[in-house]
Amino acid sequence: MPIVGIDQPLIIWIDDELRLRKLDASCDFALAWYQDPETVWLVDGVRIPYTMEQLRRMYAYLAQKGEVYFIEVRENHAFRPIGDVTFWQMDMPIVIGERTCRGRGIGGKVIGALVERGRALGYRELFVREIYAYNTVSRACFEKAGFRVCEATERGARFRLAL
């Protein structure tokens, strides 16, 4: 159970064009995101593409930690996954896997929705375990949402948001 005693919503609506959909068994489409060396660099600090087995292991691991969602955008009256995010009090890793969807404010909207989820769950604070120093876009996105550096890490910083 990702968050003990809490049922994970199937869908979190952000607006009419953007939603989070609970992880299910179908994740093959996400492999392309994690085979992109730039994406893997931002996520893991290496440029080695994932295999399908690694992708499934990653999602299984994250599902044990928190609520895993696919980030979906509406296109032509249907929703299409463009990234993923995991939510638990101690971390909020977010990946906009589709390069064409980066820089459009989607990450900020996702963070905002999950901050509201944290408030609804009664959390007093949320954390981001680590953002690498070179991932300036992610850092700026979390800082815009109110997160502040609370600790330096070997490769970047840990962030905290008081709710």
N, C-alpha and C. Protein backbone atom coordinates (compact mmCIF):
# COMPACT_ATOMS: atom_id res chain seq x y z
N MET A 1 0.86 -1.17 0.00
CA MET A 1 0.00 0.00 0.00
C MET A 1 0.90 1.24 0.00
N PRO A 2 0.79 2.12 -0.99
CA PRO A 2 1.71 3.24 -1.12
C PRO A 2 1.68 4.22 0.06
N ILE A 3 0.52 4.74 0.42
CA ILE A 3 0.40 5.59 1.59
C ILE A 3 -0.55 4.86 2.53
N VAL A 4 -0.02 4.41 3.63
CA VAL A 4 -0.75 3.52 4.54
C VAL A 4 -2.11 4.12 4.91
N GLY A 5 -3.16 3.33 4.70
CA GLY A 5 -4.50 3.72 5.08
C GLY A 5 -5.19 4.69 4.14
N ILE A 6 -4.56 5.02 3.02
CA ILE A 6 -5.11 6.00 2.08
C ILE A 6 -5.32 5.32 0.72
N ASP A 7 -6.52 5.46 0.18
CA ASP A 7 -6.78 4.97 -1.18
C ASP A 7 -6.27 5.98 -2.18
N GLN A 8 -5.50 5.49 -3.15
CA GLN A 8 -4.99 6.35 -4.20
C GLN A 8 -6.09 6.63 -5.21
N PRO A 9 -6.32 7.89 -5.55
CA PRO A 9 -7.32 8.19 -6.57
C PRO A 9 -6.92 7.62 -7.93
N LEU A 10 -7.90 7.19 -8.71
CA LEU A 10 -7.62 6.73 -10.07
C LEU A 10 -7.20 7.90 -10.96
N ILE A 11 -7.83 9.05 -10.73
CA ILE A 11 -7.56 10.25 -11.52
C ILE A 11 -7.49 11.44 -10.56
N ILE A 12 -6.51 12.31 -10.79
CA ILE A 12 -6.48 13.62 -10.16
C ILE A 12 -6.58 14.62 -11.31
N TRP A 13 -7.68 15.35 -11.34
CA TRP A 13 -7.88 16.36 -12.39
C TRP A 13 -7.13 17.62 -12.01
N ILE A 14 -6.33 18.11 -12.93
CA ILE A 14 -5.61 19.37 -12.72
C ILE A 14 -6.39 20.49 -13.40
N ASP A 15 -6.80 20.27 -14.63
CA ASP A 15 -7.71 21.15 -15.34
C ASP A 15 -8.33 20.32 -16.47
N ASP A 16 -9.06 20.97 -17.37
CA ASP A 16 -9.74 20.22 -18.43
C ASP A 16 -8.78 19.54 -19.41
N GLU A 17 -7.55 20.02 -19.45
CA GLU A 17 -6.58 19.51 -20.42
C GLU A 17 -5.45 18.70 -19.81
N LEU A 18 -5.44 18.59 -18.50
CA LEU A 18 -4.31 17.93 -17.83
C LEU A 18 -4.82 17.15 -16.63
N ARG A 19 -4.33 15.92 -16.50
CA ARG A 19 -4.72 15.08 -15.37
C ARG A 19 -3.60 14.13 -15.01
N LEU A 20 -3.73 13.53 -13.82
CA LEU A 20 -2.83 12.47 -13.38
C LEU A 20 -3.66 11.20 -13.32
N ARG A 21 -3.15 10.14 -13.94
CA ARG A 21 -3.84 8.85 -13.95
C ARG A 21 -2.99 7.82 -13.23
N LYS A 22 -3.60 7.12 -12.30
CA LYS A 22 -2.91 6.12 -11.49
C LYS A 22 -2.19 5.10 -12.37
N LEU A 23 -0.98 4.74 -11.96
CA LEU A 23 -0.19 3.71 -12.63
C LEU A 23 -0.99 2.42 -12.74
N ASP A 24 -0.95 1.80 -13.91
CA ASP A 24 -1.54 0.48 -14.08
C ASP A 24 -0.51 -0.41 -14.74
N ALA A 25 -0.91 -1.60 -15.13
CA ALA A 25 0.04 -2.57 -15.68
C ALA A 25 0.61 -2.15 -17.03
N SER A 26 -0.06 -1.26 -17.71
CA SER A 26 0.37 -0.83 -19.04
C SER A 26 1.32 0.36 -18.93
N CYS A 27 2.60 0.11 -19.17
CA CYS A 27 3.57 1.21 -19.10
C CYS A 27 4.56 1.17 -20.25
N ASP A 28 4.30 0.32 -21.24
CA ASP A 28 5.24 0.16 -22.35
C ASP A 28 5.54 1.48 -23.06
N PHE A 29 4.54 2.34 -23.17
CA PHE A 29 4.70 3.63 -23.85
C PHE A 29 5.77 4.49 -23.18
N ALA A 30 6.01 4.29 -21.89
CA ALA A 30 6.96 5.12 -21.14
C ALA A 30 8.41 4.77 -21.44
N LEU A 31 8.65 3.63 -22.03
CA LEU A 31 10.03 3.21 -22.29
C LEU A 31 10.76 4.24 -23.16
N ALA A 32 10.09 4.83 -24.12
CA ALA A 32 10.73 5.82 -24.99
C ALA A 32 11.28 7.00 -24.18
N TRP A 33 10.57 7.41 -23.12
CA TRP A 33 11.06 8.52 -22.30
C TRP A 33 12.37 8.16 -21.63
N TYR A 34 12.44 6.93 -21.12
CA TYR A 34 13.60 6.49 -20.34
C TYR A 34 14.70 5.88 -21.21
N GLN A 35 14.51 5.94 -22.51
CA GLN A 35 15.60 5.59 -23.42
C GLN A 35 16.25 6.84 -24.00
N ASP A 36 15.72 7.99 -23.65
CA ASP A 36 16.28 9.26 -24.07
C ASP A 36 17.42 9.63 -23.11
N PRO A 37 18.66 9.70 -23.59
CA PRO A 37 19.79 9.98 -22.70
C PRO A 37 19.65 11.27 -21.89
N GLU A 38 19.07 12.32 -22.48
CA GLU A 38 18.90 13.58 -21.74
C GLU A 38 17.94 13.41 -20.57
N THR A 39 16.85 12.70 -20.80
CA THR A 39 15.87 12.46 -19.74
C THR A 39 16.50 11.65 -18.62
N VAL A 40 17.21 10.60 -18.98
CA VAL A 40 17.84 9.74 -17.97
C VAL A 40 18.90 10.54 -17.19
N TRP A 41 19.59 11.44 -17.86
CA TRP A 41 20.57 12.30 -17.19
C TRP A 41 19.89 13.16 -16.13
N LEU A 42 18.75 13.75 -16.47
CA LEU A 42 18.04 14.59 -15.52
C LEU A 42 17.47 13.78 -14.35
N VAL A 43 17.06 12.55 -14.62
CA VAL A 43 16.43 11.70 -13.59
C VAL A 43 17.47 11.00 -12.71
N ASP A 44 18.46 10.39 -13.35
CA ASP A 44 19.39 9.51 -12.63
C ASP A 44 20.84 9.98 -12.59
N GLY A 45 21.17 11.01 -13.35
CA GLY A 45 22.54 11.48 -13.37
C GLY A 45 23.47 10.61 -14.19
N VAL A 46 22.91 9.77 -15.05
CA VAL A 46 23.68 8.95 -15.99
C VAL A 46 22.98 9.06 -17.34
N ARG A 47 23.64 8.61 -18.38
CA ARG A 47 23.04 8.68 -19.72
C ARG A 47 22.78 7.29 -20.31
N ILE A 48 22.59 6.32 -19.44
CA ILE A 48 22.37 4.94 -19.89
C ILE A 48 20.88 4.67 -19.98
N PRO A 49 20.37 4.41 -21.19
CA PRO A 49 18.93 4.18 -21.36
C PRO A 49 18.44 2.95 -20.58
N TYR A 50 17.19 3.01 -20.16
CA TYR A 50 16.56 1.91 -19.46
C TYR A 50 16.19 0.79 -20.42
N THR A 51 16.11 -0.41 -19.88
CA THR A 51 15.47 -1.53 -20.57
C THR A 51 14.04 -1.62 -20.05
N MET A 52 13.22 -2.42 -20.70
CA MET A 52 11.85 -2.60 -20.21
C MET A 52 11.85 -3.19 -18.80
N GLU A 53 12.76 -4.10 -18.54
CA GLU A 53 12.85 -4.69 -17.20
C GLU A 53 13.18 -3.62 -16.15
N GLN A 54 14.12 -2.73 -16.47
CA GLN A 54 14.47 -1.66 -15.53
C GLN A 54 13.30 -0.71 -15.31
N LEU A 55 12.58 -0.41 -16.39
CA LEU A 55 11.42 0.47 -16.27
C LEU A 55 10.37 -0.14 -15.34
N ARG A 56 10.08 -1.40 -15.53
CA ARG A 56 9.09 -2.06 -14.67
C ARG A 56 9.56 -2.12 -13.21
N ARG A 57 10.86 -2.39 -13.02
CA ARG A 57 11.40 -2.41 -11.66
C ARG A 57 11.30 -1.03 -11.01
N MET A 58 11.57 0.02 -11.80
CA MET A 58 11.49 1.37 -11.27
C MET A 58 10.06 1.67 -10.82
N TYR A 59 9.08 1.37 -11.66
CA TYR A 59 7.69 1.65 -11.29
C TYR A 59 7.26 0.81 -10.09
N ALA A 60 7.70 -0.43 -10.02
CA ALA A 60 7.35 -1.28 -8.87
C ALA A 60 7.96 -0.70 -7.59
N TYR A 61 9.20 -0.24 -7.66
CA TYR A 61 9.85 0.38 -6.51
C TYR A 61 9.10 1.63 -6.08
N LEU A 62 8.81 2.51 -7.04
CA LEU A 62 8.12 3.75 -6.72
C LEU A 62 6.72 3.50 -6.15
N ALA A 63 6.04 2.48 -6.66
CA ALA A 63 4.70 2.15 -6.16
C ALA A 63 4.73 1.67 -4.72
N GLN A 64 5.87 1.17 -4.27
CA GLN A 64 6.01 0.78 -2.86
C GLN A 64 6.26 2.01 -1.97
N LYS A 65 6.73 3.08 -2.57
CA LYS A 65 7.05 4.29 -1.83
C LYS A 65 5.87 5.25 -1.72
N GLY A 66 5.10 5.36 -2.81
CA GLY A 66 4.03 6.35 -2.83
C GLY A 66 3.04 6.11 -3.95
N GLU A 67 2.34 7.16 -4.30
CA GLU A 67 1.34 7.11 -5.35
C GLU A 67 2.00 7.44 -6.69
N VAL A 68 1.93 6.54 -7.65
CA VAL A 68 2.54 6.75 -8.95
C VAL A 68 1.44 7.09 -9.95
N TYR A 69 1.69 8.15 -10.71
CA TYR A 69 0.73 8.62 -11.71
C TYR A 69 1.42 8.86 -13.04
N PHE A 70 0.66 8.65 -14.12
CA PHE A 70 1.08 9.13 -15.43
C PHE A 70 0.49 10.51 -15.60
N ILE A 71 1.29 11.43 -16.10
CA ILE A 71 0.83 12.78 -16.41
C ILE A 71 0.25 12.70 -17.82
N GLU A 72 -1.00 13.12 -17.97
CA GLU A 72 -1.66 13.01 -19.27
C GLU A 72 -2.21 14.36 -19.72
N VAL A 73 -2.05 14.63 -21.02
CA VAL A 73 -2.61 15.83 -21.64
C VAL A 73 -3.69 15.43 -22.63
N ARG A 74 -4.69 16.30 -22.75
CA ARG A 74 -5.77 16.04 -23.71
C ARG A 74 -5.32 16.50 -25.09
N GLU A 75 -5.48 15.60 -26.05
CA GLU A 75 -5.21 15.91 -27.45
C GLU A 75 -6.28 15.24 -28.28
N ASN A 76 -6.96 16.00 -29.11
CA ASN A 76 -8.00 15.46 -29.99
C ASN A 76 -9.04 14.66 -29.21
N HIS A 77 -9.51 15.21 -28.11
CA HIS A 77 -10.59 14.61 -27.30
C HIS A 77 -10.19 13.33 -26.57
N ALA A 78 -8.89 13.04 -26.48
CA ALA A 78 -8.42 11.87 -25.75
C ALA A 78 -7.18 12.28 -24.94
N PHE A 79 -6.93 11.54 -23.88
CA PHE A 79 -5.76 11.84 -23.06
C PHE A 79 -4.59 10.96 -23.48
N ARG A 80 -3.40 11.58 -23.48
CA ARG A 80 -2.17 10.90 -23.87
C ARG A 80 -1.12 11.11 -22.79
N PRO A 81 -0.47 10.02 -22.33
CA PRO A 81 0.57 10.16 -21.30
C PRO A 81 1.82 10.84 -21.87
N ILE A 82 2.36 11.77 -21.08
CA ILE A 82 3.56 12.51 -21.50
C ILE A 82 4.65 12.50 -20.42
N GLY A 83 4.36 11.87 -19.29
CA GLY A 83 5.34 11.82 -18.22
C GLY A 83 4.78 11.08 -17.02
N ASP A 84 5.53 11.11 -15.93
CA ASP A 84 5.08 10.44 -14.71
C ASP A 84 5.54 11.22 -13.48
N VAL A 85 4.88 10.93 -12.39
CA VAL A 85 5.24 11.55 -11.11
C VAL A 85 4.88 10.57 -10.00
N THR A 86 5.68 10.58 -8.96
CA THR A 86 5.38 9.79 -7.77
C THR A 86 5.23 10.77 -6.62
N PHE A 87 4.24 10.50 -5.79
CA PHE A 87 3.96 11.40 -4.67
C PHE A 87 3.98 10.65 -3.36
N TRP A 88 4.82 11.08 -2.46
CA TRP A 88 4.75 10.72 -1.05
C TRP A 88 5.39 11.87 -0.29
N GLN A 89 5.20 11.91 0.99
CA GLN A 89 5.61 13.08 1.76
C GLN A 89 7.10 13.37 1.62
N MET A 90 7.91 12.35 1.48
CA MET A 90 9.35 12.53 1.49
C MET A 90 9.98 12.76 0.11
N ASP A 91 9.18 12.68 -0.97
CA ASP A 91 9.73 12.90 -2.30
C ASP A 91 8.62 13.10 -3.31
N MET A 92 8.96 13.71 -4.44
CA MET A 92 8.00 13.97 -5.48
C MET A 92 8.72 13.98 -6.84
N PRO A 93 9.33 12.84 -7.23
CA PRO A 93 10.03 12.83 -8.52
C PRO A 93 9.05 12.97 -9.68
N ILE A 94 9.34 13.93 -10.55
CA ILE A 94 8.48 14.23 -11.68
C ILE A 94 9.31 14.19 -12.96
N VAL A 95 8.75 13.57 -13.99
CA VAL A 95 9.43 13.46 -15.27
C VAL A 95 8.45 13.85 -16.37
N ILE A 96 8.79 14.89 -17.13
CA ILE A 96 8.06 15.19 -18.35
C ILE A 96 8.85 14.49 -19.45
N GLY A 97 8.39 13.30 -19.82
CA GLY A 97 9.13 12.46 -20.74
C GLY A 97 9.08 12.92 -22.19
N GLU A 98 7.98 13.51 -22.58
CA GLU A 98 7.84 14.02 -23.95
C GLU A 98 8.52 15.38 -24.04
N ARG A 99 9.60 15.44 -24.77
CA ARG A 99 10.37 16.69 -24.86
C ARG A 99 9.52 17.87 -25.33
N THR A 100 8.59 17.61 -26.25
CA THR A 100 7.76 18.69 -26.79
C THR A 100 6.82 19.28 -25.74
N CYS A 101 6.65 18.60 -24.63
CA CYS A 101 5.77 19.09 -23.56
C CYS A 101 6.52 19.82 -22.45
N ARG A 102 7.83 19.85 -22.55
CA ARG A 102 8.63 20.57 -21.55
C ARG A 102 8.55 22.07 -21.81
N GLY A 103 8.67 22.83 -20.73
CA GLY A 103 8.66 24.27 -20.87
C GLY A 103 7.28 24.88 -21.11
N ARG A 104 6.24 24.10 -20.88
CA ARG A 104 4.87 24.58 -21.11
C ARG A 104 4.10 24.78 -19.80
N GLY A 105 4.78 24.69 -18.66
CA GLY A 105 4.14 24.91 -17.37
C GLY A 105 3.46 23.68 -16.79
N ILE A 106 3.60 22.54 -17.45
CA ILE A 106 2.94 21.31 -16.98
C ILE A 106 3.51 20.88 -15.63
N GLY A 107 4.82 20.90 -15.50
CA GLY A 107 5.45 20.48 -14.24
C GLY A 107 4.95 21.30 -13.06
N GLY A 108 4.85 22.60 -13.24
CA GLY A 108 4.36 23.46 -12.17
C GLY A 108 2.93 23.15 -11.78
N LYS A 109 2.09 22.86 -12.77
CA LYS A 109 0.70 22.51 -12.48
C LYS A 109 0.62 21.18 -11.73
N VAL A 110 1.46 20.22 -12.13
CA VAL A 110 1.48 18.93 -11.44
C VAL A 110 1.92 19.11 -9.99
N ILE A 111 2.98 19.87 -9.79
CA ILE A 111 3.45 20.12 -8.43
C ILE A 111 2.35 20.78 -7.61
N GLY A 112 1.68 21.76 -8.17
CA GLY A 112 0.60 22.44 -7.46
C GLY A 112 -0.51 21.49 -7.04
N ALA A 113 -0.89 20.59 -7.94
CA ALA A 113 -1.94 19.61 -7.62
C ALA A 113 -1.50 18.67 -6.50
N LEU A 114 -0.23 18.28 -6.51
CA LEU A 114 0.25 17.36 -5.48
C LEU A 114 0.48 18.07 -4.15
N VAL A 115 0.80 19.34 -4.18
CA VAL A 115 0.86 20.11 -2.94
C VAL A 115 -0.53 20.15 -2.31
N GLU A 116 -1.55 20.36 -3.12
CA GLU A 116 -2.93 20.34 -2.61
C GLU A 116 -3.29 18.97 -2.06
N ARG A 117 -2.83 17.91 -2.72
CA ARG A 117 -3.07 16.55 -2.21
C ARG A 117 -2.41 16.40 -0.83
N GLY A 118 -1.20 16.89 -0.69
CA GLY A 118 -0.51 16.83 0.60
C GLY A 118 -1.28 17.56 1.69
N ARG A 119 -1.80 18.72 1.35
CA ARG A 119 -2.61 19.47 2.32
C ARG A 119 -3.85 18.68 2.71
N ALA A 120 -4.52 18.11 1.70
CA ALA A 120 -5.74 17.32 1.96
C ALA A 120 -5.45 16.12 2.85
N LEU A 121 -4.25 15.56 2.73
CA LEU A 121 -3.86 14.42 3.55
C LEU A 121 -3.39 14.84 4.95
N GLY A 122 -3.32 16.15 5.19
CA GLY A 122 -2.94 16.65 6.50
C GLY A 122 -1.45 16.78 6.73
N TYR A 123 -0.65 16.70 5.66
CA TYR A 123 0.79 16.86 5.82
C TYR A 123 1.12 18.31 6.20
N ARG A 124 2.13 18.46 7.02
CA ARG A 124 2.58 19.80 7.41
C ARG A 124 3.77 20.25 6.57
N GLU A 125 4.39 19.30 5.88
CA GLU A 125 5.51 19.63 5.01
C GLU A 125 5.67 18.54 3.96
N LEU A 126 6.29 18.92 2.85
CA LEU A 126 6.62 18.00 1.77
C LEU A 126 8.10 18.18 1.44
N PHE A 127 8.69 17.12 0.91
CA PHE A 127 10.11 17.16 0.56
C PHE A 127 10.33 16.68 -0.87
N VAL A 128 11.43 17.13 -1.43
CA VAL A 128 11.98 16.57 -2.66
C VAL A 128 13.36 16.07 -2.26
N ARG A 129 13.56 14.77 -2.42
CA ARG A 129 14.78 14.13 -1.91
C ARG A 129 16.05 14.75 -2.48
N GLU A 130 16.06 14.99 -3.81
CA GLU A 130 17.26 15.59 -4.41
C GLU A 130 16.94 16.10 -5.81
N ILE A 131 17.43 17.30 -6.06
CA ILE A 131 17.45 17.83 -7.43
C ILE A 131 18.91 18.09 -7.73
N TYR A 132 19.40 17.52 -8.81
CA TYR A 132 20.81 17.69 -9.17
C TYR A 132 21.10 19.15 -9.47
N ALA A 133 22.30 19.59 -9.17
CA ALA A 133 22.70 20.99 -9.34
C ALA A 133 22.52 21.46 -10.78
N TYR A 134 22.75 20.60 -11.74
CA TYR A 134 22.65 21.00 -13.15
C TYR A 134 21.21 21.01 -13.67
N ASN A 135 20.26 20.50 -12.89
CA ASN A 135 18.87 20.47 -13.32
C ASN A 135 18.18 21.76 -12.88
N THR A 136 18.60 22.85 -13.49
CA THR A 136 18.13 24.17 -13.09
C THR A 136 16.64 24.37 -13.39
N VAL A 137 16.13 23.73 -14.42
CA VAL A 137 14.71 23.88 -14.74
C VAL A 137 13.85 23.25 -13.65
N SER A 138 14.19 22.05 -13.21
CA SER A 138 13.44 21.40 -12.14
C SER A 138 13.54 22.21 -10.85
N ARG A 139 14.72 22.66 -10.54
CA ARG A 139 14.91 23.45 -9.33
C ARG A 139 14.03 24.69 -9.36
N ALA A 140 14.03 25.41 -10.47
CA ALA A 140 13.22 26.62 -10.60
C ALA A 140 11.73 26.31 -10.48
N CYS A 141 11.30 25.19 -11.02
CA CYS A 141 9.89 24.79 -10.97
C CYS A 141 9.45 24.55 -9.52
N PHE A 142 10.25 23.83 -8.77
CA PHE A 142 9.91 23.56 -7.36
C PHE A 142 10.02 24.83 -6.52
N GLU A 143 11.02 25.67 -6.79
CA GLU A 143 11.14 26.91 -6.03
C GLU A 143 9.96 27.84 -6.30
N LYS A 144 9.49 27.88 -7.53
CA LYS A 144 8.32 28.69 -7.87
C LYS A 144 7.09 28.24 -7.08
N ALA A 145 7.03 26.93 -6.79
CA ALA A 145 5.91 26.37 -6.00
C ALA A 145 6.10 26.58 -4.50
N GLY A 146 7.23 27.18 -4.10
CA GLY A 146 7.45 27.47 -2.69
C GLY A 146 8.45 26.57 -1.98
N PHE A 147 8.97 25.57 -2.65
CA PHE A 147 9.97 24.70 -2.03
C PHE A 147 11.27 25.48 -1.86
N ARG A 148 11.97 25.19 -0.75
CA ARG A 148 13.25 25.84 -0.47
C ARG A 148 14.29 24.79 -0.13
N VAL A 149 15.54 25.09 -0.43
CA VAL A 149 16.63 24.18 -0.10
C VAL A 149 16.66 24.01 1.42
N CYS A 150 16.72 22.76 1.85
CA CYS A 150 16.82 22.50 3.29
C CYS A 150 18.12 21.78 3.64
N GLU A 151 18.80 21.27 2.59
CA GLU A 151 20.03 20.53 2.86
C GLU A 151 20.78 20.34 1.54
N ALA A 152 22.08 20.51 1.58
CA ALA A 152 22.91 20.21 0.42
C ALA A 152 23.11 18.70 0.34
N THR A 153 23.15 18.17 -0.88
CA THR A 153 23.45 16.77 -1.10
C THR A 153 24.74 16.69 -1.91
N GLU A 154 25.21 15.50 -2.11
CA GLU A 154 26.47 15.33 -2.85
C GLU A 154 26.40 15.92 -4.25
N ARG A 155 25.24 15.77 -4.91
CA ARG A 155 25.13 16.23 -6.30
C ARG A 155 24.16 17.39 -6.50
N GLY A 156 23.58 17.90 -5.42
CA GLY A 156 22.62 18.99 -5.58
C GLY A 156 22.06 19.43 -4.25
N ALA A 157 20.73 19.35 -4.12
CA ALA A 157 20.10 19.82 -2.89
C ALA A 157 18.80 19.08 -2.64
N ARG A 158 18.45 19.03 -1.37
CA ARG A 158 17.16 18.50 -0.91
C ARG A 158 16.28 19.72 -0.65
N PHE A 159 14.98 19.59 -0.95
CA PHE A 159 14.06 20.71 -0.83
C PHE A 159 12.92 20.37 0.13
N ARG A 160 12.36 21.43 0.74
CA ARG A 160 11.25 21.28 1.70
C ARG A 160 10.24 22.39 1.44
N LEU A 161 8.98 22.02 1.60
CA LEU A 161 7.89 22.99 1.53
C LEU A 161 7.07 22.88 2.80
N ALA A 162 6.94 23.97 3.55
CA ALA A 162 6.06 24.00 4.72
C ALA A 162 4.64 24.27 4.22
N LEU A 163 3.71 23.44 4.66
CA LEU A 163 2.32 23.60 4.22
C LEU A 163 1.50 24.36 5.27
